[in-house]
Amino acid sequence: EEDVKNLYIKALGLKGYSMNLIDIQTKEDLYATMDELCSQGVSILLHSSDDEELLAVADRVLVFNGGRVAAELSGEQRTRFALYQAAYGAARPSAPG
């Protein structure tokens, strides 16, 4: 439990830094810690412009467009297509199907 607390404190210290600047092992450790904290009932607010990261680790994604919430995506709604559609008003990648 002490290791989880220490990693959580380190994660808080990363606030404002791009996850792209973090090495893969540290990122995996951070995601594991986030999972552990969520299983204990802790809510985590993650800000990211990395769509792959958001879709991989978030249970729910709020998409902003023009300073307002354009969409709330959860469950099967959490797709790259839906994310781009909400963020840009049109999908960038090809639509499924």
PDB file of N, CA and C in Angstrom:
ATOM      1  N   GLU A   1       0.833  -1.191   0.000  1.00  0.00           N
ATOM      2  CA  GLU A   1       0.000   0.000   0.000  1.00  0.00           C
ATOM      3  C   GLU A   1       0.873   1.248   0.000  1.00  0.00           C
ATOM      4  N   GLU A   2       1.980   1.211   0.686  1.00  0.00           N
ATOM      5  CA  GLU A   2       2.878   2.369   0.730  1.00  0.00           C
ATOM      6  C   GLU A   2       3.441   2.685  -0.652  1.00  0.00           C
ATOM      7  N   ASP A   3       3.756   1.642  -1.451  1.00  0.00           N
ATOM      8  CA  ASP A   3       4.249   1.859  -2.806  1.00  0.00           C
ATOM      9  C   ASP A   3       3.194   2.546  -3.667  1.00  0.00           C
ATOM     10  N   VAL A   4       1.936   2.151  -3.500  1.00  0.00           N
ATOM     11  CA  VAL A   4       0.844   2.766  -4.255  1.00  0.00           C
ATOM     12  C   VAL A   4       0.739   4.241  -3.892  1.00  0.00           C
ATOM     13  N   LYS A   5       0.829   4.544  -2.593  1.00  0.00           N
ATOM     14  CA  LYS A   5       0.774   5.943  -2.166  1.00  0.00           C
ATOM     15  C   LYS A   5       1.921   6.745  -2.767  1.00  0.00           C
ATOM     16  N   ASN A   6       3.120   6.184  -2.733  1.00  0.00           N
ATOM     17  CA  ASN A   6       4.272   6.892  -3.283  1.00  0.00           C
ATOM     18  C   ASN A   6       4.122   7.132  -4.780  1.00  0.00           C
ATOM     19  N   LEU A   7       3.624   6.137  -5.509  1.00  0.00           N
ATOM     20  CA  LEU A   7       3.435   6.301  -6.945  1.00  0.00           C
ATOM     21  C   LEU A   7       2.333   7.321  -7.213  1.00  0.00           C
ATOM     22  N   TYR A   8       1.293   7.318  -6.393  1.00  0.00           N
ATOM     23  CA  TYR A   8       0.218   8.289  -6.538  1.00  0.00           C
ATOM     24  C   TYR A   8       0.749   9.708  -6.325  1.00  0.00           C
ATOM     25  N   ILE A   9       1.580   9.880  -5.309  1.00  0.00           N
ATOM     26  CA  ILE A   9       2.176  11.193  -5.050  1.00  0.00           C
ATOM     27  C   ILE A   9       3.047  11.609  -6.230  1.00  0.00           C
ATOM     28  N   LYS A  10       3.806  10.678  -6.785  1.00  0.00           N
ATOM     29  CA  LYS A  10       4.615  10.991  -7.966  1.00  0.00           C
ATOM     30  C   LYS A  10       3.720  11.367  -9.140  1.00  0.00           C
ATOM     31  N   ALA A  11       2.591  10.669  -9.286  1.00  0.00           N
ATOM     32  CA  ALA A  11       1.669  10.964 -10.377  1.00  0.00           C
ATOM     33  C   ALA A  11       1.116  12.373 -10.240  1.00  0.00           C
ATOM     34  N   LEU A  12       0.804  12.771  -9.025  1.00  0.00           N
ATOM     35  CA  LEU A  12       0.313  14.127  -8.808  1.00  0.00           C
ATOM     36  C   LEU A  12       1.381  15.149  -9.191  1.00  0.00           C
ATOM     37  N   GLY A  13       2.636  14.792  -8.989  1.00  0.00           N
ATOM     38  CA  GLY A  13       3.738  15.669  -9.372  1.00  0.00           C
ATOM     39  C   GLY A  13       3.872  15.806 -10.880  1.00  0.00           C
ATOM     40  N   LEU A  14       3.279  14.881 -11.635  1.00  0.00           N
ATOM     41  CA  LEU A  14       3.350  14.929 -13.091  1.00  0.00           C
ATOM     42  C   LEU A  14       2.297  15.852 -13.689  1.00  0.00           C
ATOM     43  N   LYS A  15       1.416  16.369 -12.853  1.00  0.00           N
ATOM     44  CA  LYS A  15       0.329  17.241 -13.322  1.00  0.00           C
ATOM     45  C   LYS A  15       0.909  18.332 -14.232  1.00  0.00           C
ATOM     46  N   GLY A  16       0.337  18.467 -15.395  1.00  0.00           N
ATOM     47  CA  GLY A  16       0.787  19.498 -16.308  1.00  0.00           C
ATOM     48  C   GLY A  16       1.833  19.025 -17.295  1.00  0.00           C
ATOM     49  N   TYR A  17       2.294  17.806 -17.155  1.00  0.00           N
ATOM     50  CA  TYR A  17       3.287  17.261 -18.075  1.00  0.00           C
ATOM     51  C   TYR A  17       2.622  16.316 -19.058  1.00  0.00           C
ATOM     52  N   SER A  18       3.154  16.253 -20.250  1.00  0.00           N
ATOM     53  CA  SER A  18       2.617  15.348 -21.256  1.00  0.00           C
ATOM     54  C   SER A  18       2.998  13.912 -20.916  1.00  0.00           C
ATOM     55  N   MET A  19       2.015  13.010 -21.027  1.00  0.00           N
ATOM     56  CA  MET A  19       2.304  11.594 -20.795  1.00  0.00           C
ATOM     57  C   MET A  19       3.258  11.056 -21.858  1.00  0.00           C
ATOM     58  N   ASN A  20       3.360  11.749 -22.979  1.00  0.00           N
ATOM     59  CA  ASN A  20       4.283  11.315 -24.034  1.00  0.00           C
ATOM     60  C   ASN A  20       5.735  11.443 -23.602  1.00  0.00           C
ATOM     61  N   LEU A  21       5.992  12.236 -22.582  1.00  0.00           N
ATOM     62  CA  LEU A  21       7.360  12.433 -22.097  1.00  0.00           C
ATOM     63  C   LEU A  21       7.770  11.402 -21.053  1.00  0.00           C
ATOM     64  N   ILE A  22       6.839  10.531 -20.672  1.00  0.00           N
ATOM     65  CA  ILE A  22       7.094   9.537 -19.637  1.00  0.00           C
ATOM     66  C   ILE A  22       7.460   8.213 -20.292  1.00  0.00           C
ATOM     67  N   ASP A  23       8.479   7.533 -19.748  1.00  0.00           N
ATOM     68  CA  ASP A  23       8.884   6.256 -20.322  1.00  0.00           C
ATOM     69  C   ASP A  23       7.772   5.219 -20.152  1.00  0.00           C
ATOM     70  N   ILE A  24       7.812   4.199 -20.974  1.00  0.00           N
ATOM     71  CA  ILE A  24       6.744   3.200 -21.040  1.00  0.00           C
ATOM     72  C   ILE A  24       6.518   2.516 -19.699  1.00  0.00           C
ATOM     73  N   GLN A  25       7.568   2.115 -18.998  1.00  0.00           N
ATOM     74  CA  GLN A  25       7.408   1.420 -17.718  1.00  0.00           C
ATOM     75  C   GLN A  25       6.724   2.310 -16.690  1.00  0.00           C
ATOM     76  N   THR A  26       7.137   3.565 -16.610  1.00  0.00           N
ATOM     77  CA  THR A  26       6.520   4.492 -15.660  1.00  0.00           C
ATOM     78  C   THR A  26       5.054   4.709 -16.001  1.00  0.00           C
ATOM     79  N   LYS A  27       4.753   4.817 -17.291  1.00  0.00           N
ATOM     80  CA  LYS A  27       3.366   4.998 -17.727  1.00  0.00           C
ATOM     81  C   LYS A  27       2.530   3.776 -17.339  1.00  0.00           C
ATOM     82  N   GLU A  28       3.061   2.571 -17.556  1.00  0.00           N
ATOM     83  CA  GLU A  28       2.340   1.350 -17.179  1.00  0.00           C
ATOM     84  C   GLU A  28       2.125   1.283 -15.675  1.00  0.00           C
ATOM     85  N   ASP A  29       3.149   1.670 -14.897  1.00  0.00           N
ATOM     86  CA  ASP A  29       3.020   1.706 -13.442  1.00  0.00           C
ATOM     87  C   ASP A  29       1.952   2.711 -13.024  1.00  0.00           C
ATOM     88  N   LEU A  30       1.925   3.845 -13.675  1.00  0.00           N
ATOM     89  CA  LEU A  30       0.941   4.870 -13.368  1.00  0.00           C
ATOM     90  C   LEU A  30      -0.476   4.383 -13.673  1.00  0.00           C
ATOM     91  N   TYR A  31      -0.649   3.744 -14.828  1.00  0.00           N
ATOM     92  CA  TYR A  31      -1.970   3.204 -15.178  1.00  0.00           C
ATOM     93  C   TYR A  31      -2.400   2.130 -14.191  1.00  0.00           C
ATOM     94  N   ALA A  32      -1.471   1.289 -13.761  1.00  0.00           N
ATOM     95  CA  ALA A  32      -1.789   0.253 -12.775  1.00  0.00           C
ATOM     96  C   ALA A  32      -2.209   0.893 -11.453  1.00  0.00           C
ATOM     97  N   THR A  33      -1.535   1.955 -11.056  1.00  0.00           N
ATOM     98  CA  THR A  33      -1.888   2.668  -9.834  1.00  0.00           C
ATOM     99  C   THR A  33      -3.263   3.305  -9.963  1.00  0.00           C
ATOM    100  N   MET A  34      -3.539   3.877 -11.130  1.00  0.00           N
ATOM    101  CA  MET A  34      -4.854   4.468 -11.367  1.00  0.00           C
ATOM    102  C   MET A  34      -5.937   3.394 -11.243  1.00  0.00           C
ATOM    103  N   ASP A  35      -5.702   2.220 -11.817  1.00  0.00           N
ATOM    104  CA  ASP A  35      -6.656   1.101 -11.705  1.00  0.00           C
ATOM    105  C   ASP A  35      -6.872   0.707 -10.247  1.00  0.00           C
ATOM    106  N   GLU A  36      -5.781   0.625  -9.494  1.00  0.00           N
ATOM    107  CA  GLU A  36      -5.855   0.256  -8.077  1.00  0.00           C
ATOM    108  C   GLU A  36      -6.678   1.283  -7.299  1.00  0.00           C
ATOM    109  N   LEU A  37      -6.412   2.547  -7.537  1.00  0.00           N
ATOM    110  CA  LEU A  37      -7.144   3.596  -6.835  1.00  0.00           C
ATOM    111  C   LEU A  37      -8.628   3.582  -7.207  1.00  0.00           C
ATOM    112  N   CYS A  38      -8.919   3.374  -8.481  1.00  0.00           N
ATOM    113  CA  CYS A  38     -10.321   3.298  -8.917  1.00  0.00           C
ATOM    114  C   CYS A  38     -11.041   2.126  -8.262  1.00  0.00           C
ATOM    115  N   SER A  39     -10.323   1.003  -8.100  1.00  0.00           N
ATOM    116  CA  SER A  39     -10.943  -0.158  -7.456  1.00  0.00           C
ATOM    117  C   SER A  39     -11.234   0.115  -5.984  1.00  0.00           C
ATOM    118  N   GLN A  40     -10.573   1.125  -5.422  1.00  0.00           N
ATOM    119  CA  GLN A  40     -10.815   1.524  -4.036  1.00  0.00           C
ATOM    120  C   GLN A  40     -11.862   2.636  -3.950  1.00  0.00           C
ATOM    121  N   GLY A  41     -12.444   3.008  -5.096  1.00  0.00           N
ATOM    122  CA  GLY A  41     -13.491   4.020  -5.102  1.00  0.00           C
ATOM    123  C   GLY A  41     -13.012   5.434  -5.366  1.00  0.00           C
ATOM    124  N   VAL A  42     -11.737   5.596  -5.705  1.00  0.00           N
ATOM    125  CA  VAL A  42     -11.194   6.923  -5.994  1.00  0.00           C
ATOM    126  C   VAL A  42     -11.524   7.287  -7.436  1.00  0.00           C
ATOM    127  N   SER A  43     -12.007   8.502  -7.631  1.00  0.00           N
ATOM    128  CA  SER A  43     -12.248   9.007  -8.983  1.00  0.00           C
ATOM    129  C   SER A  43     -11.010   9.743  -9.464  1.00  0.00           C
ATOM    130  N   ILE A  44     -10.702   9.582 -10.732  1.00  0.00           N
ATOM    131  CA  ILE A  44      -9.514  10.223 -11.300  1.00  0.00           C
ATOM    132  C   ILE A  44      -9.936  11.045 -12.506  1.00  0.00           C
ATOM    133  N   LEU A  45      -9.488  12.281 -12.538  1.00  0.00           N
ATOM    134  CA  LEU A  45      -9.732  13.154 -13.673  1.00  0.00           C
ATOM    135  C   LEU A  45      -8.451  13.201 -14.493  1.00  0.00           C
ATOM    136  N   LEU A  46      -8.534  12.728 -15.728  1.00  0.00           N
ATOM    137  CA  LEU A  46      -7.376  12.668 -16.615  1.00  0.00           C
ATOM    138  C   LEU A  46      -7.606  13.613 -17.774  1.00  0.00           C
ATOM    139  N   HIS A  47      -6.688  14.520 -17.978  1.00  0.00           N
ATOM    140  CA  HIS A  47      -6.765  15.444 -19.108  1.00  0.00           C
ATOM    141  C   HIS A  47      -5.751  14.974 -20.139  1.00  0.00           C
ATOM    142  N   SER A  48      -6.216  14.706 -21.347  1.00  0.00           N
ATOM    143  CA  SER A  48      -5.302  14.215 -22.381  1.00  0.00           C
ATOM    144  C   SER A  48      -5.834  14.553 -23.755  1.00  0.00           C
ATOM    145  N   SER A  49      -4.914  14.818 -24.657  1.00  0.00           N
ATOM    146  CA  SER A  49      -5.291  15.006 -26.061  1.00  0.00           C
ATOM    147  C   SER A  49      -4.929  13.766 -26.868  1.00  0.00           C
ATOM    148  N   ASP A  50      -4.472  12.729 -26.186  1.00  0.00           N
ATOM    149  CA  ASP A  50      -4.102  11.466 -26.826  1.00  0.00           C
ATOM    150  C   ASP A  50      -5.331  10.561 -26.860  1.00  0.00           C
ATOM    151  N   ASP A  51      -5.958  10.466 -28.023  1.00  0.00           N
ATOM    152  CA  ASP A  51      -7.195   9.698 -28.131  1.00  0.00           C
ATOM    153  C   ASP A  51      -6.999   8.233 -27.779  1.00  0.00           C
ATOM    154  N   GLU A  52      -5.888   7.634 -28.149  1.00  0.00           N
ATOM    155  CA  GLU A  52      -5.638   6.224 -27.822  1.00  0.00           C
ATOM    156  C   GLU A  52      -5.573   6.029 -26.318  1.00  0.00           C
ATOM    157  N   GLU A  53      -4.900   6.942 -25.629  1.00  0.00           N
ATOM    158  CA  GLU A  53      -4.788   6.865 -24.180  1.00  0.00           C
ATOM    159  C   GLU A  53      -6.171   6.993 -23.535  1.00  0.00           C
ATOM    160  N   LEU A  54      -6.934   7.975 -23.962  1.00  0.00           N
ATOM    161  CA  LEU A  54      -8.270   8.177 -23.392  1.00  0.00           C
ATOM    162  C   LEU A  54      -9.151   6.950 -23.565  1.00  0.00           C
ATOM    163  N   LEU A  55      -9.158   6.398 -24.767  1.00  0.00           N
ATOM    164  CA  LEU A  55     -10.006   5.245 -25.046  1.00  0.00           C
ATOM    165  C   LEU A  55      -9.535   4.001 -24.304  1.00  0.00           C
ATOM    166  N   ALA A  56      -8.243   3.929 -24.014  1.00  0.00           N
ATOM    167  CA  ALA A  56      -7.688   2.750 -23.338  1.00  0.00           C
ATOM    168  C   ALA A  56      -7.894   2.779 -21.827  1.00  0.00           C
ATOM    169  N   VAL A  57      -7.805   3.958 -21.212  1.00  0.00           N
ATOM    170  CA  VAL A  57      -7.795   3.992 -19.745  1.00  0.00           C
ATOM    171  C   VAL A  57      -9.017   4.628 -19.112  1.00  0.00           C
ATOM    172  N   ALA A  58      -9.806   5.371 -19.860  1.00  0.00           N
ATOM    173  CA  ALA A  58     -10.939   6.079 -19.259  1.00  0.00           C
ATOM    174  C   ALA A  58     -12.234   5.281 -19.377  1.00  0.00           C
ATOM    175  N   ASP A  59     -13.011   5.288 -18.313  1.00  0.00           N
ATOM    176  CA  ASP A  59     -14.338   4.672 -18.341  1.00  0.00           C
ATOM    177  C   ASP A  59     -15.333   5.599 -19.019  1.00  0.00           C
ATOM    178  N   ARG A  60     -15.094   6.894 -18.868  1.00  0.00           N
ATOM    179  CA  ARG A  60     -15.986   7.905 -19.432  1.00  0.00           C
ATOM    180  C   ARG A  60     -15.127   9.042 -19.958  1.00  0.00           C
ATOM    181  N   VAL A  61     -15.477   9.554 -21.134  1.00  0.00           N
ATOM    182  CA  VAL A  61     -14.718  10.630 -21.765  1.00  0.00           C
ATOM    183  C   VAL A  61     -15.665  11.796 -22.026  1.00  0.00           C
ATOM    184  N   LEU A  62     -15.291  12.966 -21.518  1.00  0.00           N
ATOM    185  CA  LEU A  62     -16.007  14.184 -21.859  1.00  0.00           C
ATOM    186  C   LEU A  62     -15.223  14.874 -22.960  1.00  0.00           C
ATOM    187  N   VAL A  63     -15.890  15.161 -24.067  1.00  0.00           N
ATOM    188  CA  VAL A  63     -15.243  15.797 -25.219  1.00  0.00           C
ATOM    189  C   VAL A  63     -15.679  17.251 -25.256  1.00  0.00           C
ATOM    190  N   PHE A  64     -14.697  18.146 -25.298  1.00  0.00           N
ATOM    191  CA  PHE A  64     -14.980  19.567 -25.348  1.00  0.00           C
ATOM    192  C   PHE A  64     -14.798  20.092 -26.763  1.00  0.00           C
ATOM    193  N   ASN A  65     -15.669  21.007 -27.146  1.00  0.00           N
ATOM    194  CA  ASN A  65     -15.577  21.676 -28.446  1.00  0.00           C
ATOM    195  C   ASN A  65     -16.095  23.090 -28.225  1.00  0.00           C
ATOM    196  N   GLY A  66     -15.266  24.072 -28.540  1.00  0.00           N
ATOM    197  CA  GLY A  66     -15.665  25.459 -28.344  1.00  0.00           C
ATOM    198  C   GLY A  66     -15.872  25.838 -26.893  1.00  0.00           C
ATOM    199  N   GLY A  67     -15.161  25.187 -25.989  1.00  0.00           N
ATOM    200  CA  GLY A  67     -15.254  25.496 -24.573  1.00  0.00           C
ATOM    201  C   GLY A  67     -16.459  24.889 -23.873  1.00  0.00           C
ATOM    202  N   ARG A  68     -17.204  24.052 -24.567  1.00  0.00           N
ATOM    203  CA  ARG A  68     -18.385  23.402 -23.985  1.00  0.00           C
ATOM    204  C   ARG A  68     -18.275  21.882 -24.153  1.00  0.00           C
ATOM    205  N   VAL A  69     -18.971  21.161 -23.279  1.00  0.00           N
ATOM    206  CA  VAL A  69     -19.001  19.709 -23.411  1.00  0.00           C
ATOM    207  C   VAL A  69     -19.832  19.370 -24.644  1.00  0.00           C
ATOM    208  N   ALA A  70     -19.183  18.764 -25.631  1.00  0.00           N
ATOM    209  CA  ALA A  70     -19.849  18.397 -26.877  1.00  0.00           C
ATOM    210  C   ALA A  70     -20.418  16.984 -26.799  1.00  0.00           C
ATOM    211  N   ALA A  71     -19.812  16.148 -25.965  1.00  0.00           N
ATOM    212  CA  ALA A  71     -20.288  14.768 -25.847  1.00  0.00           C
ATOM    213  C   ALA A  71     -19.738  14.137 -24.578  1.00  0.00           C
ATOM    214  N   GLU A  72     -20.512  13.195 -24.060  1.00  0.00           N
ATOM    215  CA  GLU A  72     -20.067  12.341 -22.967  1.00  0.00           C
ATOM    216  C   GLU A  72     -20.108  10.920 -23.499  1.00  0.00           C
ATOM    217  N   LEU A  73     -18.948  10.297 -23.603  1.00  0.00           N
ATOM    218  CA  LEU A  73     -18.835   8.974 -24.205  1.00  0.00           C
ATOM    219  C   LEU A  73     -18.475   7.957 -23.127  1.00  0.00           C
ATOM    220  N   SER A  74     -19.245   6.877 -23.078  1.00  0.00           N
ATOM    221  CA  SER A  74     -18.939   5.797 -22.145  1.00  0.00           C
ATOM    222  C   SER A  74     -19.342   4.480 -22.778  1.00  0.00           C
ATOM    223  N   GLY A  75     -18.834   3.403 -22.216  1.00  0.00           N
ATOM    224  CA  GLY A  75     -19.153   2.071 -22.733  1.00  0.00           C
ATOM    225  C   GLY A  75     -18.800   1.939 -24.201  1.00  0.00           C
ATOM    226  N   GLU A  76     -19.724   1.382 -24.964  1.00  0.00           N
ATOM    227  CA  GLU A  76     -19.481   1.143 -26.392  1.00  0.00           C
ATOM    228  C   GLU A  76     -19.458   2.431 -27.206  1.00  0.00           C
ATOM    229  N   GLN A  77     -19.905   3.530 -26.615  1.00  0.00           N
ATOM    230  CA  GLN A  77     -19.849   4.831 -27.298  1.00  0.00           C
ATOM    231  C   GLN A  77     -18.427   5.364 -27.397  1.00  0.00           C
ATOM    232  N   ARG A  78     -17.533   4.843 -26.565  1.00  0.00           N
ATOM    233  CA  ARG A  78     -16.152   5.335 -26.538  1.00  0.00           C
ATOM    234  C   ARG A  78     -15.381   4.777 -27.740  1.00  0.00           C
ATOM    235  N   THR A  79     -15.526   5.432 -28.862  1.00  0.00           N
ATOM    236  CA  THR A  79     -14.809   5.048 -30.076  1.00  0.00           C
ATOM    237  C   THR A  79     -14.055   6.250 -30.612  1.00  0.00           C
ATOM    238  N   ARG A  80     -13.055   5.990 -31.389  1.00  0.00           N
ATOM    239  CA  ARG A  80     -12.296   7.081 -32.011  1.00  0.00           C
ATOM    240  C   ARG A  80     -13.209   7.899 -32.922  1.00  0.00           C
ATOM    241  N   PHE A  81     -14.088   7.221 -33.636  1.00  0.00           N
ATOM    242  CA  PHE A  81     -15.010   7.899 -34.543  1.00  0.00           C
ATOM    243  C   PHE A  81     -15.889   8.888 -33.769  1.00  0.00           C
ATOM    244  N   ALA A  82     -16.492   8.433 -32.660  1.00  0.00           N
ATOM    245  CA  ALA A  82     -17.367   9.292 -31.864  1.00  0.00           C
ATOM    246  C   ALA A  82     -16.586  10.437 -31.227  1.00  0.00           C
ATOM    247  N   LEU A  83     -15.376  10.155 -30.786  1.00  0.00           N
ATOM    248  CA  LEU A  83     -14.536  11.174 -30.187  1.00  0.00           C
ATOM    249  C   LEU A  83     -14.235  12.285 -31.190  1.00  0.00           C
ATOM    250  N   TYR A  84     -13.800  11.916 -32.399  1.00  0.00           N
ATOM    251  CA  TYR A  84     -13.502  12.919 -33.431  1.00  0.00           C
ATOM    252  C   TYR A  84     -14.756  13.648 -33.887  1.00  0.00           C
ATOM    253  N   GLN A  85     -15.847  12.927 -33.980  1.00  0.00           N
ATOM    254  CA  GLN A  85     -17.087  13.555 -34.414  1.00  0.00           C
ATOM    255  C   GLN A  85     -17.506  14.642 -33.425  1.00  0.00           C
ATOM    256  N   ALA A  86     -17.393  14.359 -32.147  1.00  0.00           N
ATOM    257  CA  ALA A  86     -17.751  15.339 -31.130  1.00  0.00           C
ATOM    258  C   ALA A  86     -16.759  16.497 -31.067  1.00  0.00           C
ATOM    259  N   ALA A  87     -15.477  16.191 -31.199  1.00  0.00           N
ATOM    260  CA  ALA A  87     -14.450  17.224 -31.064  1.00  0.00           C
ATOM    261  C   ALA A  87     -14.380  18.156 -32.268  1.00  0.00           C
ATOM    262  N   TYR A  88     -14.597  17.595 -33.448  1.00  0.00           N
ATOM    263  CA  TYR A  88     -14.390  18.393 -34.661  1.00  0.00           C
ATOM    264  C   TYR A  88     -15.662  18.588 -35.486  1.00  0.00           C
ATOM    265  N   GLY A  89     -16.749  17.994 -35.057  1.00  0.00           N
ATOM    266  CA  GLY A  89     -17.989  18.128 -35.788  1.00  0.00           C
ATOM    267  C   GLY A  89     -18.091  17.167 -36.976  1.00  0.00           C
ATOM    268  N   ALA A  90     -17.013  16.482 -37.245  1.00  0.00           N
ATOM    269  CA  ALA A  90     -16.987  15.469 -38.330  1.00  0.00           C
ATOM    270  C   ALA A  90     -15.867  14.499 -37.982  1.00  0.00           C
ATOM    271  N   ALA A  91     -15.998  13.297 -38.441  1.00  0.00           N
ATOM    272  CA  ALA A  91     -14.999  12.266 -38.139  1.00  0.00           C
ATOM    273  C   ALA A  91     -13.785  12.422 -39.020  1.00  0.00           C
ATOM    274  N   ARG A  92     -12.618  12.308 -38.430  1.00  0.00           N
ATOM    275  CA  ARG A  92     -11.386  12.327 -39.217  1.00  0.00           C
ATOM    276  C   ARG A  92     -11.066  10.961 -39.796  1.00  0.00           C
ATOM    277  N   PRO A  93     -11.022   9.902 -38.969  1.00  0.00           N
ATOM    278  CA  PRO A  93     -10.754   8.589 -39.576  1.00  0.00           C
ATOM    279  C   PRO A  93     -11.989   8.096 -40.297  1.00  0.00           C
ATOM    280  N   SER A  94     -11.798   7.122 -41.112  1.00  0.00           N
ATOM    281  CA  SER A  94     -12.936   6.559 -41.844  1.00  0.00           C
ATOM    282  C   SER A  94     -13.959   5.987 -40.889  1.00  0.00           C
ATOM    283  N   ALA A  95     -15.208   6.184 -41.222  1.00  0.00           N
ATOM    284  CA  ALA A  95     -16.289   5.654 -40.404  1.00  0.00           C
ATOM    285  C   ALA A  95     -16.308   4.139 -40.502  1.00  0.00           C
ATOM    286  N   PRO A  96     -16.603   3.462 -39.380  1.00  0.00           N
ATOM    287  CA  PRO A  96     -16.665   1.993 -39.434  1.00  0.00           C
ATOM    288  C   PRO A  96     -17.787   1.538 -40.357  1.00  0.00           C
ATOM    289  N   GLY A  97     -17.577   0.396 -40.961  1.00  0.00           N
ATOM    290  CA  GLY A  97     -18.625  -0.200 -41.771  1.00  0.00           C
ATOM    291  C   GLY A  97     -18.392   0.046 -43.183  1.00  0.00           C
TER     292      GLY A  97
END
